[in-house]
Amino acid sequence: MMVQKHSGHYVLLASCPFQKRIAAKLTQFVYDLSSEIVDYDQYADIADNHFYCRMEWNPAAQNISDDEALTRFREEIAEPMNLRWNLRRNDRPLRLAVFVTRELAHLYALMMKCVSGLWDANIELIISNHPDLADEAARFNIPYHHLPIDKDNKAEQERRQLELLQDNEIELIVLSRYMQVVTEKIIAPYENRIINIHHSMLPAFSGAKPYHQAHARGVKLIGATSHYLTSQLDEGPIIAQEVKVVDHRKTVPALISLGRDLEANALARAVGLHINSRIIVSNGRTIVFD
C-alpha cells in the first residue's frame, strides 16, 4: 500500500478476493465522509474469483481529517476484506524521467503531452547513452544527462542513473526507445513504475532489422506493445497495444515509419493510463480501467 497526500481528488485502486457487498462498502465509505464520487469502475473476474476497482472522489466536503479517513479505511475496509490498495491525490503533476538513445519521435510525443497540459505530469530529466537529443531537451528546459555506456562502465553508470532518479524524486520511468538493457538494480526499486515499448514482431523477428525480416516474410499485420519492465526482457505486464493491417505494397521504409508511429502511440497511451492511475497489476497481467 502507498499513500501520497496533497490537495485534490483521491484516486483509489483496489483489488481483493471476490466477496459480497464489497462495491457497496467502498462507495458507502466515501458517502459517509460527505464526499462525492466523481468516477467509479469495477471488474469482477469470476474465473479467478477476484474483484478490481478504481474509484475517484472529491474530498472537499470531507467531514474528518485525511489521517482519520485513512485510519478508518484501513480498519473498516482494507484489513477486514484483505484489500490490496493504492491511494493517491491526482492534482500534483507526476514526476517522470525518460530514458532515450537517438529516437526523437517517441520522446517528442511524451514532451508534447506534458507541455500541452494533456497529462498531469512533468518530465523532470532525460537520461541518454548518446548526446544526440540534448538540443531537443534544451528547447523544453528539461535537464539532459548524457551517460555513455560500455561493457566496462555499465554498473557505475547505472549507479549514477539511480542517484539521479532518487535525487529528483522520480515516480515513473519511461524507456523511450532506450537501446540498453536495464538491470535489476534499476528495476527492483521501481517495480511496475518503468514503462517500455517494443515492436510487435517479437519473438519471430528479433535482433537487427526486424522490419526487413518482416517484409521478407510478407507479414500482414504490424504493431507495437507497451508494457511494464521486468527482468524478463520484453515480457512484462502489457498495458497498451497498437496494430495496423499491411500488405505487399508496403516497402521497408514505409513499414519502419508506420511502426514508429504505432510505437509512439502505444507508449503515450500506456504512460497516460499510468499517470491517471488506471492500471492494476495482478499476477503478471494488467487490469486497465480505460
C-alpha atoms as a PDB file:
ATOM      1  CA  MET A   1       0.000   0.000   0.000  1.00  0.00           C
ATOM      2  CA  MET A   2       1.209   3.502  -0.825  1.00  0.00           C
ATOM      3  CA  VAL A   3      -0.360   6.837   0.051  1.00  0.00           C
ATOM      4  CA  GLN A   4       0.592  10.187  -1.480  1.00  0.00           C
ATOM      5  CA  LYS A   5      -1.138  13.142   0.146  1.00  0.00           C
ATOM      6  CA  HIS A   6      -1.814  16.584  -1.280  1.00  0.00           C
ATOM      7  CA  SER A   7      -4.941  18.575  -2.182  1.00  0.00           C
ATOM      8  CA  GLY A   8      -7.259  17.368  -4.952  1.00  0.00           C
ATOM      9  CA  HIS A   9      -9.223  14.267  -5.874  1.00  0.00           C
ATOM     10  CA  TYR A  10      -8.460  10.947  -4.262  1.00  0.00           C
ATOM     11  CA  VAL A  11      -7.936   8.028  -6.661  1.00  0.00           C
ATOM     12  CA  LEU A  12      -8.200   4.538  -5.192  1.00  0.00           C
ATOM     13  CA  LEU A  13      -7.068   1.384  -6.987  1.00  0.00           C
ATOM     14  CA  ALA A  14      -8.076  -1.732  -5.095  1.00  0.00           C
ATOM     15  CA  SER A  15      -8.310  -5.490  -5.527  1.00  0.00           C
ATOM     16  CA  CYS A  16      -9.297  -8.384  -3.303  1.00  0.00           C
ATOM     17  CA  PRO A  17     -10.843 -11.854  -3.368  1.00  0.00           C
ATOM     18  CA  PHE A  18     -14.429 -11.501  -4.531  1.00  0.00           C
ATOM     19  CA  GLN A  19     -16.882 -11.112  -1.645  1.00  0.00           C
ATOM     20  CA  LYS A  20     -20.419  -9.909  -1.131  1.00  0.00           C
ATOM     21  CA  ARG A  21     -21.129  -6.191  -0.862  1.00  0.00           C
ATOM     22  CA  ILE A  22     -17.528  -5.095  -1.487  1.00  0.00           C
ATOM     23  CA  ALA A  23     -18.600  -2.438  -4.019  1.00  0.00           C
ATOM     24  CA  ALA A  24     -21.318  -1.186  -1.697  1.00  0.00           C
ATOM     25  CA  LYS A  25     -18.910  -0.917   1.220  1.00  0.00           C
ATOM     26  CA  LEU A  26     -16.351   1.031  -0.817  1.00  0.00           C
ATOM     27  CA  THR A  27     -18.851   3.546  -2.131  1.00  0.00           C
ATOM     28  CA  GLN A  28     -20.665   3.870   1.190  1.00  0.00           C
ATOM     29  CA  PHE A  29     -17.358   4.681   2.892  1.00  0.00           C
ATOM     30  CA  VAL A  30     -16.933   7.709   0.613  1.00  0.00           C
ATOM     31  CA  TYR A  31     -20.524   8.865   1.078  1.00  0.00           C
ATOM     32  CA  ASP A  32     -20.127   8.570   4.853  1.00  0.00           C
ATOM     33  CA  LEU A  33     -17.309  11.118   4.583  1.00  0.00           C
ATOM     34  CA  SER A  34     -19.798  13.545   2.984  1.00  0.00           C
ATOM     35  CA  SER A  35     -17.700  13.311  -0.201  1.00  0.00           C
ATOM     36  CA  GLU A  36     -18.823  12.864  -3.797  1.00  0.00           C
ATOM     37  CA  ILE A  37     -17.686  10.062  -6.107  1.00  0.00           C
ATOM     38  CA  VAL A  38     -16.712  11.560  -9.471  1.00  0.00           C
ATOM     39  CA  ASP A  39     -15.647   8.335 -11.233  1.00  0.00           C
ATOM     40  CA  TYR A  40     -16.163   4.655 -10.483  1.00  0.00           C
ATOM     41  CA  ASP A  41     -15.323   1.476 -12.397  1.00  0.00           C
ATOM     42  CA  GLN A  42     -15.029  -2.151 -11.387  1.00  0.00           C
ATOM     43  CA  TYR A  43     -14.280  -5.572 -12.820  1.00  0.00           C
ATOM     44  CA  ALA A  44     -15.125  -8.943 -11.306  1.00  0.00           C
ATOM     45  CA  ASP A  45     -13.035 -11.838 -12.600  1.00  0.00           C
ATOM     46  CA  ILE A  46     -15.409 -14.716 -11.926  1.00  0.00           C
ATOM     47  CA  ALA A  47     -12.967 -17.386 -13.107  1.00  0.00           C
ATOM     48  CA  ASP A  48     -10.269 -16.103 -10.758  1.00  0.00           C
ATOM     49  CA  ASN A  49     -12.746 -15.105  -8.017  1.00  0.00           C
ATOM     50  CA  HIS A  50     -11.228 -11.638  -7.786  1.00  0.00           C
ATOM     51  CA  PHE A  51     -12.566  -8.094  -7.632  1.00  0.00           C
ATOM     52  CA  TYR A  52     -10.888  -4.971  -9.042  1.00  0.00           C
ATOM     53  CA  CYS A  53     -11.948  -1.373  -8.624  1.00  0.00           C
ATOM     54  CA  ARG A  54     -10.995   2.206  -9.448  1.00  0.00           C
ATOM     55  CA  MET A  55     -12.788   4.938  -7.514  1.00  0.00           C
ATOM     56  CA  GLU A  56     -12.186   8.681  -7.610  1.00  0.00           C
ATOM     57  CA  TRP A  57     -13.765  11.194  -5.265  1.00  0.00           C
ATOM     58  CA  ASN A  58     -13.578  14.814  -4.221  1.00  0.00           C
ATOM     59  CA  PRO A  59     -12.791  15.186  -0.504  1.00  0.00           C
ATOM     60  CA  ALA A  60     -13.565  18.916  -0.399  1.00  0.00           C
ATOM     61  CA  ALA A  61     -16.538  18.429   1.936  1.00  0.00           C
ATOM     62  CA  GLN A  62     -14.957  15.577   3.888  1.00  0.00           C
ATOM     63  CA  ASN A  63     -16.134  15.747   7.488  1.00  0.00           C
ATOM     64  CA  ILE A  64     -12.972  14.327   9.074  1.00  0.00           C
ATOM     65  CA  SER A  65      -9.224  14.818   8.544  1.00  0.00           C
ATOM     66  CA  ASP A  66      -7.209  12.914   5.954  1.00  0.00           C
ATOM     67  CA  ASP A  67      -5.419  10.929   8.654  1.00  0.00           C
ATOM     68  CA  GLU A  68      -8.695   9.941  10.307  1.00  0.00           C
ATOM     69  CA  ALA A  69     -10.189   8.920   6.974  1.00  0.00           C
ATOM     70  CA  LEU A  70      -7.182   6.761   6.108  1.00  0.00           C
ATOM     71  CA  THR A  71      -7.227   5.102   9.514  1.00  0.00           C
ATOM     72  CA  ARG A  72     -10.915   4.302   9.157  1.00  0.00           C
ATOM     73  CA  PHE A  73     -10.397   2.966   5.643  1.00  0.00           C
ATOM     74  CA  ARG A  74      -7.651   0.605   6.810  1.00  0.00           C
ATOM     75  CA  GLU A  75      -9.596  -0.634   9.831  1.00  0.00           C
ATOM     76  CA  GLU A  76     -13.104  -0.824   8.357  1.00  0.00           C
ATOM     77  CA  ILE A  77     -12.473  -1.795   4.730  1.00  0.00           C
ATOM     78  CA  ALA A  78      -8.913  -2.722   3.770  1.00  0.00           C
ATOM     79  CA  GLU A  79      -7.924  -5.088   6.573  1.00  0.00           C
ATOM     80  CA  PRO A  80     -11.229  -6.970   7.045  1.00  0.00           C
ATOM     81  CA  MET A  81     -11.544  -7.518   3.288  1.00  0.00           C
ATOM     82  CA  ASN A  82      -7.882  -8.344   2.626  1.00  0.00           C
ATOM     83  CA  LEU A  83      -7.670  -5.447   0.196  1.00  0.00           C
ATOM     84  CA  ARG A  84      -4.592  -4.625  -1.867  1.00  0.00           C
ATOM     85  CA  TRP A  85      -4.807  -0.919  -2.481  1.00  0.00           C
ATOM     86  CA  ASN A  86      -3.085   2.212  -3.694  1.00  0.00           C
ATOM     87  CA  LEU A  87      -4.399   5.667  -2.875  1.00  0.00           C
ATOM     88  CA  ARG A  88      -3.097   8.945  -4.241  1.00  0.00           C
ATOM     89  CA  ARG A  89      -4.182  12.503  -4.906  1.00  0.00           C
ATOM     90  CA  ASN A  90      -4.243  13.377  -8.582  1.00  0.00           C
ATOM     91  CA  ASP A  91      -3.657  17.124  -8.683  1.00  0.00           C
ATOM     92  CA  ARG A  92       0.134  17.206  -8.277  1.00  0.00           C
ATOM     93  CA  PRO A  93       1.991  16.556 -11.526  1.00  0.00           C
ATOM     94  CA  LEU A  94       3.596  13.130 -11.557  1.00  0.00           C
ATOM     95  CA  ARG A  95       7.388  13.311 -11.799  1.00  0.00           C
ATOM     96  CA  LEU A  96       8.734  11.493 -14.880  1.00  0.00           C
ATOM     97  CA  ALA A  97      12.177  10.502 -16.098  1.00  0.00           C
ATOM     98  CA  VAL A  98      12.675   9.493 -19.737  1.00  0.00           C
ATOM     99  CA  PHE A  99      15.496   7.231 -20.923  1.00  0.00           C
ATOM    100  CA  VAL A 100      16.349   7.654 -24.625  1.00  0.00           C
ATOM    101  CA  THR A 101      19.008   6.739 -27.171  1.00  0.00           C
ATOM    102  CA  ARG A 102      18.568   8.500 -30.520  1.00  0.00           C
ATOM    103  CA  GLU A 103      14.868   8.171 -31.445  1.00  0.00           C
ATOM    104  CA  LEU A 104      13.119  11.564 -31.356  1.00  0.00           C
ATOM    105  CA  ALA A 105       9.527  10.677 -32.314  1.00  0.00           C
ATOM    106  CA  HIS A 106       8.714   8.819 -29.105  1.00  0.00           C
ATOM    107  CA  LEU A 107      10.359  11.431 -26.876  1.00  0.00           C
ATOM    108  CA  TYR A 108       8.617  14.279 -28.686  1.00  0.00           C
ATOM    109  CA  ALA A 109       5.215  12.651 -28.217  1.00  0.00           C
ATOM    110  CA  LEU A 110       5.855  12.418 -24.474  1.00  0.00           C
ATOM    111  CA  MET A 111       7.076  16.006 -24.189  1.00  0.00           C
ATOM    112  CA  MET A 112       4.078  17.350 -26.101  1.00  0.00           C
ATOM    113  CA  LYS A 113       1.626  15.594 -23.792  1.00  0.00           C
ATOM    114  CA  CYS A 114       3.275  17.204 -20.777  1.00  0.00           C
ATOM    115  CA  VAL A 115       3.828  20.672 -22.245  1.00  0.00           C
ATOM    116  CA  SER A 116       0.284  20.897 -23.624  1.00  0.00           C
ATOM    117  CA  GLY A 117      -1.227  20.033 -20.252  1.00  0.00           C
ATOM    118  CA  LEU A 118      -2.915  16.884 -21.557  1.00  0.00           C
ATOM    119  CA  TRP A 119      -1.070  14.978 -18.844  1.00  0.00           C
ATOM    120  CA  ASP A 120      -0.840  15.972 -15.214  1.00  0.00           C
ATOM    121  CA  ALA A 121       2.879  15.192 -15.292  1.00  0.00           C
ATOM    122  CA  ASN A 122       6.289  16.803 -15.757  1.00  0.00           C
ATOM    123  CA  ILE A 123       9.419  15.346 -17.345  1.00  0.00           C
ATOM    124  CA  GLU A 124      11.986  16.202 -14.697  1.00  0.00           C
ATOM    125  CA  LEU A 125      15.014  14.807 -16.531  1.00  0.00           C
ATOM    126  CA  ILE A 126      16.129  12.880 -19.597  1.00  0.00           C
ATOM    127  CA  ILE A 127      18.875  10.262 -19.416  1.00  0.00           C
ATOM    128  CA  SER A 128      20.620   9.071 -22.572  1.00  0.00           C
ATOM    129  CA  ASN A 129      23.589   6.974 -23.604  1.00  0.00           C
ATOM    130  CA  HIS A 130      24.086   9.354 -26.572  1.00  0.00           C
ATOM    131  CA  PRO A 131      24.228  13.169 -26.826  1.00  0.00           C
ATOM    132  CA  ASP A 132      22.029  13.421 -29.938  1.00  0.00           C
ATOM    133  CA  LEU A 133      18.815  14.712 -28.337  1.00  0.00           C
ATOM    134  CA  ALA A 134      20.334  17.209 -25.922  1.00  0.00           C
ATOM    135  CA  ASP A 135      19.278  20.191 -28.038  1.00  0.00           C
ATOM    136  CA  GLU A 136      15.664  18.985 -28.115  1.00  0.00           C
ATOM    137  CA  ALA A 137      15.637  18.680 -24.332  1.00  0.00           C
ATOM    138  CA  ALA A 138      17.082  22.177 -24.032  1.00  0.00           C
ATOM    139  CA  ARG A 139      14.225  23.587 -26.141  1.00  0.00           C
ATOM    140  CA  PHE A 140      11.848  22.488 -23.382  1.00  0.00           C
ATOM    141  CA  ASN A 141      14.203  23.344 -20.491  1.00  0.00           C
ATOM    142  CA  ILE A 142      14.477  19.695 -19.456  1.00  0.00           C
ATOM    143  CA  PRO A 143      17.782  18.633 -17.835  1.00  0.00           C
ATOM    144  CA  TYR A 144      19.615  16.185 -20.107  1.00  0.00           C
ATOM    145  CA  HIS A 145      22.159  13.748 -18.693  1.00  0.00           C
ATOM    146  CA  HIS A 146      24.487  12.065 -21.178  1.00  0.00           C
ATOM    147  CA  LEU A 147      25.721   8.841 -19.593  1.00  0.00           C
ATOM    148  CA  PRO A 148      27.533   6.758 -22.241  1.00  0.00           C
ATOM    149  CA  ILE A 149      27.563   3.035 -21.503  1.00  0.00           C
ATOM    150  CA  ASP A 150      30.009   0.318 -22.479  1.00  0.00           C
ATOM    151  CA  LYS A 151      30.820  -3.113 -21.117  1.00  0.00           C
ATOM    152  CA  ASP A 152      33.302  -1.663 -18.622  1.00  0.00           C
ATOM    153  CA  ASN A 153      31.243   1.129 -17.055  1.00  0.00           C
ATOM    154  CA  LYS A 154      27.633  -0.148 -17.068  1.00  0.00           C
ATOM    155  CA  ALA A 155      27.485  -0.797 -13.313  1.00  0.00           C
ATOM    156  CA  GLU A 156      28.861   2.660 -12.487  1.00  0.00           C
ATOM    157  CA  GLN A 157      26.529   4.402 -14.941  1.00  0.00           C
ATOM    158  CA  GLU A 158      23.515   2.591 -13.507  1.00  0.00           C
ATOM    159  CA  ARG A 159      24.585   3.758 -10.060  1.00  0.00           C
ATOM    160  CA  ARG A 160      24.613   7.330 -11.397  1.00  0.00           C
ATOM    161  CA  GLN A 161      21.222   6.817 -13.051  1.00  0.00           C
ATOM    162  CA  LEU A 162      19.707   5.569  -9.815  1.00  0.00           C
ATOM    163  CA  GLU A 163      21.187   8.517  -7.941  1.00  0.00           C
ATOM    164  CA  LEU A 164      19.602  10.954 -10.427  1.00  0.00           C
ATOM    165  CA  LEU A 165      16.236   9.218 -10.140  1.00  0.00           C
ATOM    166  CA  GLN A 166      16.274   9.343  -6.357  1.00  0.00           C
ATOM    167  CA  ASP A 167      17.572  12.925  -6.126  1.00  0.00           C
ATOM    168  CA  ASN A 168      14.756  14.084  -8.439  1.00  0.00           C
ATOM    169  CA  GLU A 169      12.070  12.062  -6.623  1.00  0.00           C
ATOM    170  CA  ILE A 170      11.073  10.310  -9.844  1.00  0.00           C
ATOM    171  CA  GLU A 171       7.778   8.426  -9.709  1.00  0.00           C
ATOM    172  CA  LEU A 172       7.676   6.915 -13.211  1.00  0.00           C
ATOM    173  CA  ILE A 173      10.442   5.962 -15.671  1.00  0.00           C
ATOM    174  CA  VAL A 174       9.675   5.804 -19.392  1.00  0.00           C
ATOM    175  CA  LEU A 175      12.010   3.918 -21.722  1.00  0.00           C
ATOM    176  CA  SER A 176      11.541   5.800 -24.983  1.00  0.00           C
ATOM    177  CA  ARG A 177      13.395   3.508 -27.385  1.00  0.00           C
ATOM    178  CA  TYR A 178      16.277   3.254 -24.917  1.00  0.00           C
ATOM    179  CA  MET A 179      18.581   0.749 -26.584  1.00  0.00           C
ATOM    180  CA  GLN A 180      20.262  -0.583 -23.473  1.00  0.00           C
ATOM    181  CA  VAL A 181      19.322  -3.446 -21.161  1.00  0.00           C
ATOM    182  CA  VAL A 182      18.124  -2.090 -17.817  1.00  0.00           C
ATOM    183  CA  THR A 183      19.176  -4.350 -14.950  1.00  0.00           C
ATOM    184  CA  GLU A 184      17.558  -5.331 -11.688  1.00  0.00           C
ATOM    185  CA  LYS A 185      19.460  -2.518  -9.957  1.00  0.00           C
ATOM    186  CA  ILE A 186      17.009  -0.068 -11.541  1.00  0.00           C
ATOM    187  CA  ILE A 187      14.020  -2.386 -11.988  1.00  0.00           C
ATOM    188  CA  ALA A 188      13.704  -3.540  -8.361  1.00  0.00           C
ATOM    189  CA  PRO A 189      13.130  -0.144  -6.680  1.00  0.00           C
ATOM    190  CA  TYR A 190      10.754   0.910  -9.478  1.00  0.00           C
ATOM    191  CA  GLU A 191       8.619  -2.207  -9.791  1.00  0.00           C
ATOM    192  CA  ASN A 192       5.585  -1.508 -12.015  1.00  0.00           C
ATOM    193  CA  ARG A 193       6.871   2.038 -12.455  1.00  0.00           C
ATOM    194  CA  ILE A 194       9.009   1.553 -15.589  1.00  0.00           C
ATOM    195  CA  ILE A 195       7.202   1.543 -18.942  1.00  0.00           C
ATOM    196  CA  ASN A 196       8.862   0.184 -22.093  1.00  0.00           C
ATOM    197  CA  ILE A 197       7.901  -0.088 -25.773  1.00  0.00           C
ATOM    198  CA  HIS A 198       8.803  -2.599 -28.475  1.00  0.00           C
ATOM    199  CA  HIS A 199       7.585  -3.590 -31.918  1.00  0.00           C
ATOM    200  CA  SER A 200       5.099  -6.438 -32.104  1.00  0.00           C
ATOM    201  CA  MET A 201       7.210  -8.731 -34.253  1.00  0.00           C
ATOM    202  CA  LEU A 202       8.971 -10.346 -31.319  1.00  0.00           C
ATOM    203  CA  PRO A 203       9.924 -13.115 -30.913  1.00  0.00           C
ATOM    204  CA  ALA A 204       9.591 -14.119 -34.591  1.00  0.00           C
ATOM    205  CA  PHE A 205      11.761 -11.278 -35.915  1.00  0.00           C
ATOM    206  CA  SER A 206      14.265 -10.445 -33.210  1.00  0.00           C
ATOM    207  CA  GLY A 207      17.686  -8.886 -33.472  1.00  0.00           C
ATOM    208  CA  ALA A 208      18.804  -6.434 -36.146  1.00  0.00           C
ATOM    209  CA  LYS A 209      16.466  -5.076 -38.836  1.00  0.00           C
ATOM    210  CA  PRO A 210      13.182  -6.669 -37.707  1.00  0.00           C
ATOM    211  CA  TYR A 211      11.174  -4.729 -40.305  1.00  0.00           C
ATOM    212  CA  HIS A 212      13.443  -6.019 -43.066  1.00  0.00           C
ATOM    213  CA  GLN A 213      12.862  -9.550 -41.802  1.00  0.00           C
ATOM    214  CA  ALA A 214       9.098  -8.960 -41.593  1.00  0.00           C
ATOM    215  CA  HIS A 215       8.990  -7.559 -45.126  1.00  0.00           C
ATOM    216  CA  ALA A 216      10.903 -10.534 -46.457  1.00  0.00           C
ATOM    217  CA  ARG A 217       8.344 -12.880 -44.899  1.00  0.00           C
ATOM    218  CA  GLY A 218       5.384 -10.854 -46.183  1.00  0.00           C
ATOM    219  CA  VAL A 219       3.792 -10.006 -42.830  1.00  0.00           C
ATOM    220  CA  LYS A 220       0.228  -8.716 -42.991  1.00  0.00           C
ATOM    221  CA  LEU A 221      -0.011  -7.177 -39.533  1.00  0.00           C
ATOM    222  CA  ILE A 222       2.440  -4.983 -37.626  1.00  0.00           C
ATOM    223  CA  GLY A 223       2.123  -3.251 -34.319  1.00  0.00           C
ATOM    224  CA  ALA A 224       3.638  -2.172 -31.011  1.00  0.00           C
ATOM    225  CA  THR A 225       3.366  -3.240 -27.397  1.00  0.00           C
ATOM    226  CA  SER A 226       3.916  -1.090 -24.315  1.00  0.00           C
ATOM    227  CA  HIS A 227       4.422  -2.836 -21.003  1.00  0.00           C
ATOM    228  CA  TYR A 228       5.888  -2.578 -17.531  1.00  0.00           C
ATOM    229  CA  LEU A 229       9.538  -3.562 -17.491  1.00  0.00           C
ATOM    230  CA  THR A 230      10.622  -6.721 -15.695  1.00  0.00           C
ATOM    231  CA  SER A 231      13.866  -8.650 -15.612  1.00  0.00           C
ATOM    232  CA  GLN A 232      12.418 -10.921 -18.337  1.00  0.00           C
ATOM    233  CA  LEU A 233      13.168  -8.838 -21.431  1.00  0.00           C
ATOM    234  CA  ASP A 234      10.005  -7.659 -23.269  1.00  0.00           C
ATOM    235  CA  GLU A 235       7.785  -9.959 -21.186  1.00  0.00           C
ATOM    236  CA  GLY A 236       6.362  -7.590 -18.562  1.00  0.00           C
ATOM    237  CA  PRO A 237       2.633  -6.968 -17.971  1.00  0.00           C
ATOM    238  CA  ILE A 238       1.133  -5.483 -21.143  1.00  0.00           C
ATOM    239  CA  ILE A 239      -0.562  -2.081 -20.830  1.00  0.00           C
ATOM    240  CA  ALA A 240      -1.352  -0.978 -24.394  1.00  0.00           C
ATOM    241  CA  GLN A 241      -1.010  -2.267 -27.947  1.00  0.00           C
ATOM    242  CA  GLU A 242      -1.443  -0.745 -31.407  1.00  0.00           C
ATOM    243  CA  VAL A 243      -1.826  -2.727 -34.638  1.00  0.00           C
ATOM    244  CA  LYS A 244      -2.162  -1.985 -38.359  1.00  0.00           C
ATOM    245  CA  VAL A 245      -3.001  -4.229 -41.305  1.00  0.00           C
ATOM    246  CA  VAL A 246      -0.414  -4.014 -44.120  1.00  0.00           C
ATOM    247  CA  ASP A 247       0.032  -5.658 -47.489  1.00  0.00           C
ATOM    248  CA  HIS A 248       2.696  -6.377 -50.106  1.00  0.00           C
ATOM    249  CA  ARG A 249       2.675  -2.760 -51.294  1.00  0.00           C
ATOM    250  CA  LYS A 250       4.408  -1.550 -48.127  1.00  0.00           C
ATOM    251  CA  THR A 251       8.130  -1.042 -48.605  1.00  0.00           C
ATOM    252  CA  VAL A 252      10.612  -1.499 -45.770  1.00  0.00           C
ATOM    253  CA  PRO A 253      10.884   2.299 -45.176  1.00  0.00           C
ATOM    254  CA  ALA A 254       7.081   2.515 -45.102  1.00  0.00           C
ATOM    255  CA  LEU A 255       6.880  -0.307 -42.557  1.00  0.00           C
ATOM    256  CA  ILE A 256       9.538   1.348 -40.390  1.00  0.00           C
ATOM    257  CA  SER A 257       7.705   4.690 -40.497  1.00  0.00           C
ATOM    258  CA  LEU A 258       4.371   3.104 -39.677  1.00  0.00           C
ATOM    259  CA  GLY A 259       5.941   1.045 -36.900  1.00  0.00           C
ATOM    260  CA  ARG A 260       7.484   4.173 -35.397  1.00  0.00           C
ATOM    261  CA  ASP A 261       4.070   5.856 -35.248  1.00  0.00           C
ATOM    262  CA  LEU A 262       2.454   2.795 -33.693  1.00  0.00           C
ATOM    263  CA  GLU A 263       5.188   2.587 -31.068  1.00  0.00           C
ATOM    264  CA  ALA A 264       4.887   6.279 -30.166  1.00  0.00           C
ATOM    265  CA  ASN A 265       1.097   5.986 -29.865  1.00  0.00           C
ATOM    266  CA  ALA A 266       1.209   2.832 -27.745  1.00  0.00           C
ATOM    267  CA  LEU A 267       3.854   4.281 -25.464  1.00  0.00           C
ATOM    268  CA  ALA A 268       1.964   7.546 -24.950  1.00  0.00           C
ATOM    269  CA  ARG A 269      -1.265   5.681 -24.264  1.00  0.00           C
ATOM    270  CA  ALA A 270       0.379   3.442 -21.667  1.00  0.00           C
ATOM    271  CA  VAL A 271       2.079   6.345 -19.903  1.00  0.00           C
ATOM    272  CA  GLY A 272      -1.173   8.319 -19.848  1.00  0.00           C
ATOM    273  CA  LEU A 273      -3.016   5.402 -18.266  1.00  0.00           C
ATOM    274  CA  HIS A 274      -0.378   5.138 -15.542  1.00  0.00           C
ATOM    275  CA  ILE A 275      -0.391   8.882 -14.872  1.00  0.00           C
ATOM    276  CA  ASN A 276      -4.172   8.784 -14.436  1.00  0.00           C
ATOM    277  CA  SER A 277      -3.988   5.811 -12.031  1.00  0.00           C
ATOM    278  CA  ARG A 278      -5.939   3.479 -14.296  1.00  0.00           C
ATOM    279  CA  ILE A 279      -3.816   0.316 -14.068  1.00  0.00           C
ATOM    280  CA  ILE A 280      -3.770  -2.520 -11.554  1.00  0.00           C
ATOM    281  CA  VAL A 281      -1.077  -5.195 -11.957  1.00  0.00           C
ATOM    282  CA  SER A 282      -2.227  -8.607 -10.752  1.00  0.00           C
ATOM    283  CA  ASN A 283      -0.457 -11.927 -11.217  1.00  0.00           C
ATOM    284  CA  GLY A 284       1.611 -10.723 -14.168  1.00  0.00           C
ATOM    285  CA  ARG A 285      -1.206  -9.061 -16.120  1.00  0.00           C
ATOM    286  CA  THR A 286      -2.847  -5.659 -16.087  1.00  0.00           C
ATOM    287  CA  ILE A 287      -6.408  -4.624 -15.324  1.00  0.00           C
ATOM    288  CA  VAL A 288      -6.834  -1.362 -17.243  1.00  0.00           C
ATOM    289  CA  PHE A 289      -9.733   0.991 -16.473  1.00  0.00           C
ATOM    290  CA  ASP A 290      -9.585   2.899 -19.750  1.00  0.00           C
END
